[in-house]
Amino acid sequence: MATIGVLMLETRFPRPPGDIGNPAGFPFPLRYAVVPRARVGRVVRPGEPDPALLEGFLAAAERLAAEGCAALTTSCGFLAPFQAALAARAGIPVAASALLLVPMLQATLPPGRRVGVLTVDAAALGPAHLAAAGAAPDTPVEGIEREGELARVLLDDLPELDTAAAGADVVAAGERLRARHPEVGAIVLECTNMPPYAAALRRATGLPVQGLPELLAWLHAGLPALSGPASSRLASAGISGQVP
């Protein structure tokens, strides 16, 4: 089975099933590479991630590709501005951000309906992130509350998480998105830490909700199974489900 490589931020917060940092939530093997000094505050910020981090991400992408990964992703949707550079360096398919789903889902909606985005920080997610993913600059965006459980744990990189409270934060943000933008007909989760609560959000809003797991399932379905040297390298490394 083809392996997807994951370029990870350097974090310590918990990762329940559905989070890209927890391999138990995915039906295909993942191989992880932590990018040194890629902390939340240097990536989740207005404009683009800290440009000084780019070379670290590129080196990790090149390494995972050389080790036999068939495609790559990242652990933060705010890395969308690195999409083109990562694909160019890795030489294999790259899905740097779940924001890539926005134009894909938009094409499926009837006239007058739009895709909305839930993010960890609405003040930081701007036109540059959306443009890098091919999304319209006026895409409706809603963030979770900064004082809430999930934002506090993620942005402050705390070691403990109340998942019930985190789920309530995501549902509340989805309901605000619908109230402020009644034209929203589907929701994309920018944040890779939100998919554990996607089912609750679907129930609460009655809308299609997609995030990185759905994007990777689509990507993985078209990847060729590995064989030969690449498969041997991954097998000898024991990659399935290992997190650095």
Protein backbone atom coordinates (compact mmCIF):
# COMPACT_ATOMS: atom_id res chain seq x y z
CA MET A 1 0.00 0.00 0.00
CA ALA A 2 1.31 3.45 -0.89
CA THR A 3 2.61 5.55 1.99
CA ILE A 4 1.88 9.25 2.49
CA GLY A 5 4.59 11.33 4.12
CA VAL A 6 3.59 13.96 6.68
CA LEU A 7 5.62 17.11 7.32
CA MET A 8 4.95 17.82 10.99
CA LEU A 9 5.17 21.01 12.99
CA GLU A 10 7.20 20.75 16.18
CA THR A 11 4.40 20.46 18.77
CA ARG A 12 3.43 18.61 21.93
CA PHE A 13 -0.37 19.01 22.08
CA PRO A 14 -2.53 15.84 22.06
CA ARG A 15 -3.68 14.33 18.78
CA PRO A 16 -6.89 12.26 19.03
CA PRO A 17 -7.93 9.91 16.18
CA GLY A 18 -8.72 11.89 13.06
CA ASP A 19 -5.85 14.31 13.65
CA ILE A 20 -3.12 13.85 11.04
CA GLY A 21 -0.62 13.34 13.86
CA ASN A 22 -2.40 10.17 14.98
CA PRO A 23 -1.83 7.37 12.44
CA ALA A 24 -4.54 5.20 14.03
CA GLY A 25 -7.17 7.36 12.35
CA PHE A 26 -6.05 6.64 8.77
CA PRO A 27 -6.57 3.48 6.67
CA PHE A 28 -3.19 3.77 4.94
CA PRO A 29 0.38 4.06 6.22
CA LEU A 30 1.88 7.42 7.13
CA ARG A 31 5.51 8.34 7.55
CA TYR A 32 6.34 11.38 9.66
CA ALA A 33 9.11 13.97 9.60
CA VAL A 34 9.17 16.76 12.17
CA VAL A 35 10.52 20.03 10.77
CA PRO A 36 12.84 21.59 13.38
CA ARG A 37 11.73 24.93 14.83
CA ALA A 38 8.44 24.83 12.91
CA ARG A 39 6.37 25.89 15.89
CA VAL A 40 2.77 27.02 15.75
CA GLY A 41 3.46 30.72 16.15
CA ARG A 42 5.84 30.73 13.18
CA VAL A 43 3.30 29.07 10.88
CA VAL A 44 -0.13 30.28 12.05
CA ARG A 45 0.26 33.97 11.31
CA PRO A 46 -1.03 36.55 8.80
CA GLY A 47 0.38 36.55 5.28
CA GLU A 48 2.41 33.37 5.12
CA PRO A 49 4.45 31.06 7.33
CA ASP A 50 7.87 32.33 8.39
CA PRO A 51 9.92 32.16 5.14
CA ALA A 52 12.93 31.05 7.19
CA LEU A 53 11.14 27.72 7.72
CA LEU A 54 10.76 26.93 4.03
CA GLU A 55 14.14 25.27 3.54
CA GLY A 56 13.49 22.95 6.49
CA PHE A 57 10.18 21.88 4.97
CA LEU A 58 11.76 21.40 1.56
CA ALA A 59 14.56 19.27 2.96
CA ALA A 60 12.10 17.10 4.87
CA ALA A 61 9.90 16.74 1.76
CA GLU A 62 12.87 15.69 -0.33
CA ARG A 63 13.91 13.17 2.32
CA LEU A 64 10.45 11.57 2.60
CA ALA A 65 10.20 11.32 -1.17
CA ALA A 66 13.63 9.66 -1.33
CA GLU A 67 12.54 7.21 1.37
CA GLY A 68 9.70 5.99 -0.83
CA CYS A 69 6.63 8.05 0.11
CA ALA A 70 4.24 8.30 -2.82
CA ALA A 71 2.71 11.65 -1.79
CA LEU A 72 3.12 14.28 0.91
CA THR A 73 0.97 16.39 3.20
CA THR A 74 1.54 18.60 6.24
CA SER A 75 0.15 18.97 9.73
CA CYS A 76 -1.11 22.55 9.30
CA GLY A 77 -3.42 24.13 6.75
CA PHE A 78 -1.59 27.45 7.11
CA LEU A 79 1.24 25.90 5.07
CA ALA A 80 -0.77 26.40 1.86
CA PRO A 81 1.67 29.12 0.67
CA PHE A 82 4.43 26.46 0.62
CA GLN A 83 2.38 24.21 -1.72
CA ALA A 84 4.11 25.04 -5.01
CA ALA A 85 7.64 24.98 -3.59
CA LEU A 86 7.05 21.65 -1.84
CA ALA A 87 5.68 19.99 -4.97
CA ALA A 88 8.57 21.30 -7.03
CA ARG A 89 11.22 20.01 -4.62
CA ALA A 90 9.60 16.67 -3.76
CA GLY A 91 8.73 15.66 -7.30
CA ILE A 92 5.67 13.72 -6.09
CA PRO A 93 2.05 14.79 -5.40
CA VAL A 94 1.73 17.21 -2.46
CA ALA A 95 -1.40 18.29 -0.61
CA ALA A 96 0.01 20.90 1.74
CA SER A 97 -3.35 22.11 3.07
CA ALA A 98 -6.97 21.05 3.34
CA LEU A 99 -7.75 24.43 1.78
CA LEU A 100 -7.16 22.68 -1.56
CA LEU A 101 -10.63 21.21 -1.02
CA VAL A 102 -12.32 24.61 -1.30
CA PRO A 103 -12.31 24.91 -5.12
CA MET A 104 -12.98 21.18 -5.49
CA LEU A 105 -16.09 21.32 -3.29
CA GLN A 106 -17.21 24.64 -4.76
CA ALA A 107 -17.53 22.98 -8.16
CA THR A 108 -20.02 20.50 -6.69
CA LEU A 109 -22.42 23.03 -5.17
CA PRO A 110 -25.54 24.45 -6.82
CA PRO A 111 -25.66 28.12 -7.86
CA GLY A 112 -25.84 30.53 -4.96
CA ARG A 113 -24.14 28.18 -2.49
CA ARG A 114 -20.58 28.58 -1.29
CA VAL A 115 -17.92 26.67 0.57
CA GLY A 116 -17.04 28.09 3.98
CA VAL A 117 -13.87 27.51 5.97
CA LEU A 118 -13.36 26.86 9.66
CA THR A 119 -9.91 27.77 10.94
CA VAL A 120 -7.99 27.96 14.18
CA ASP A 121 -7.38 31.70 13.67
CA ALA A 122 -9.66 33.70 11.36
CA ALA A 123 -7.63 36.88 11.85
CA ALA A 124 -4.52 35.16 10.48
CA LEU A 125 -6.05 33.21 7.59
CA GLY A 126 -6.06 35.60 4.68
CA PRO A 127 -6.02 36.02 0.89
CA ALA A 128 -2.49 34.61 0.50
CA HIS A 129 -3.48 31.29 2.09
CA LEU A 130 -6.66 31.06 0.02
CA ALA A 131 -4.96 32.05 -3.23
CA ALA A 132 -2.25 29.43 -2.75
CA ALA A 133 -4.99 26.79 -2.61
CA GLY A 134 -6.90 28.15 -5.60
CA ALA A 135 -9.78 29.42 -3.42
CA ALA A 136 -11.62 32.68 -3.93
CA PRO A 137 -10.29 35.57 -1.81
CA ASP A 138 -13.76 36.28 -0.44
CA THR A 139 -14.34 32.71 0.75
CA PRO A 140 -16.37 32.85 4.00
CA VAL A 141 -14.08 32.13 6.96
CA GLU A 142 -14.90 31.59 10.62
CA GLY A 143 -12.51 30.85 13.47
CA ILE A 144 -12.87 29.06 16.77
CA GLU A 145 -12.86 31.30 19.83
CA ARG A 146 -9.33 32.19 20.96
CA GLU A 147 -10.36 31.75 24.60
CA GLY A 148 -11.85 28.33 23.93
CA GLU A 149 -10.31 24.97 24.74
CA LEU A 150 -9.12 23.96 21.27
CA ALA A 151 -7.55 27.29 20.26
CA ARG A 152 -5.88 27.67 23.64
CA VAL A 153 -4.32 24.20 23.49
CA LEU A 154 -3.21 24.48 19.86
CA LEU A 155 -1.92 28.04 19.80
CA ASP A 156 -0.21 27.78 23.19
CA ASP A 157 0.97 24.19 22.48
CA LEU A 158 -0.36 22.76 25.73
CA PRO A 159 0.05 19.07 26.67
CA GLU A 160 -3.55 18.34 27.69
CA LEU A 161 -6.86 18.63 25.79
CA ASP A 162 -10.50 18.31 26.82
CA THR A 163 -11.87 16.75 23.63
CA ALA A 164 -15.52 17.32 24.59
CA ALA A 165 -14.87 21.04 25.04
CA ALA A 166 -12.81 21.14 21.85
CA GLY A 167 -15.65 19.55 19.90
CA ALA A 168 -18.08 22.10 21.30
CA ASP A 169 -15.74 24.88 20.11
CA VAL A 170 -15.75 23.52 16.56
CA VAL A 171 -19.54 23.07 16.48
CA ALA A 172 -20.07 26.60 17.80
CA ALA A 173 -17.78 27.99 15.09
CA GLY A 174 -19.69 26.08 12.43
CA GLU A 175 -22.98 27.45 13.68
CA ARG A 176 -21.56 31.00 13.63
CA LEU A 177 -20.35 30.45 10.06
CA ARG A 178 -23.85 29.43 8.97
CA ALA A 179 -25.52 32.31 10.80
CA ARG A 180 -23.18 34.91 9.30
CA HIS A 181 -23.09 33.33 5.84
CA PRO A 182 -26.40 31.55 5.15
CA GLU A 183 -25.22 30.85 1.61
CA VAL A 184 -22.65 28.34 2.90
CA GLY A 185 -23.46 24.88 1.55
CA ALA A 186 -20.35 22.96 2.63
CA ILE A 187 -17.56 23.40 5.16
CA VAL A 188 -13.83 22.80 4.84
CA LEU A 189 -11.75 22.36 7.99
CA GLU A 190 -8.48 24.24 7.46
CA CYS A 191 -7.13 23.03 10.76
CA THR A 192 -5.78 19.47 10.75
CA ASN A 193 -6.73 19.18 14.42
CA MET A 194 -10.46 19.66 13.73
CA PRO A 195 -11.35 16.41 11.88
CA PRO A 196 -11.87 14.49 15.17
CA TYR A 197 -14.99 16.67 15.58
CA ALA A 198 -16.20 16.60 11.96
CA ALA A 199 -19.02 14.14 12.61
CA ALA A 200 -20.44 16.33 15.38
CA LEU A 201 -20.22 19.34 13.07
CA ARG A 202 -22.08 17.50 10.29
CA ARG A 203 -24.86 16.58 12.72
CA ALA A 204 -25.14 20.13 14.06
CA THR A 205 -25.11 21.95 10.72
CA GLY A 206 -26.59 19.39 8.35
CA LEU A 207 -23.86 20.30 5.86
CA PRO A 208 -21.11 18.32 4.14
CA VAL A 209 -17.89 18.75 6.13
CA GLN A 210 -14.49 17.79 4.78
CA GLY A 211 -10.93 18.16 5.98
CA LEU A 212 -7.51 16.64 5.52
CA PRO A 213 -8.64 13.00 6.00
CA GLU A 214 -11.06 13.29 3.07
CA LEU A 215 -8.47 15.04 0.90
CA LEU A 216 -5.88 12.37 1.63
CA ALA A 217 -8.37 9.54 1.04
CA TRP A 218 -9.01 10.97 -2.43
CA LEU A 219 -5.29 11.44 -3.09
CA HIS A 220 -4.31 8.01 -1.80
CA ALA A 221 -6.97 6.24 -3.87
CA GLY A 222 -5.12 7.15 -7.04
CA LEU A 223 -1.58 6.37 -5.90
CA PRO A 224 0.22 3.31 -7.26
CA ALA A 225 1.12 0.62 -4.76
CA LEU A 226 4.82 0.62 -3.96
CA SER A 227 7.12 -2.17 -5.00
CA GLY A 228 10.83 -2.72 -5.38
CA PRO A 229 13.46 -0.55 -3.64
CA ALA A 230 11.03 2.08 -2.33
CA SER A 231 8.81 -0.56 -0.72
CA SER A 232 11.83 -2.28 0.81
CA ARG A 233 13.13 0.97 2.32
CA LEU A 234 9.79 1.76 3.94
CA ALA A 235 9.30 -1.80 5.22
CA SER A 236 12.77 -1.90 6.74
CA ALA A 237 12.08 1.41 8.48
CA GLY A 238 8.85 0.04 10.01
CA ILE A 239 7.04 3.15 8.92
CA SER A 240 3.40 2.22 9.41
CA GLY A 241 2.07 4.48 12.09
CA GLN A 242 5.35 5.68 13.55
CA VAL A 243 5.46 9.27 14.80
CA PRO A 244 8.85 10.83 15.58
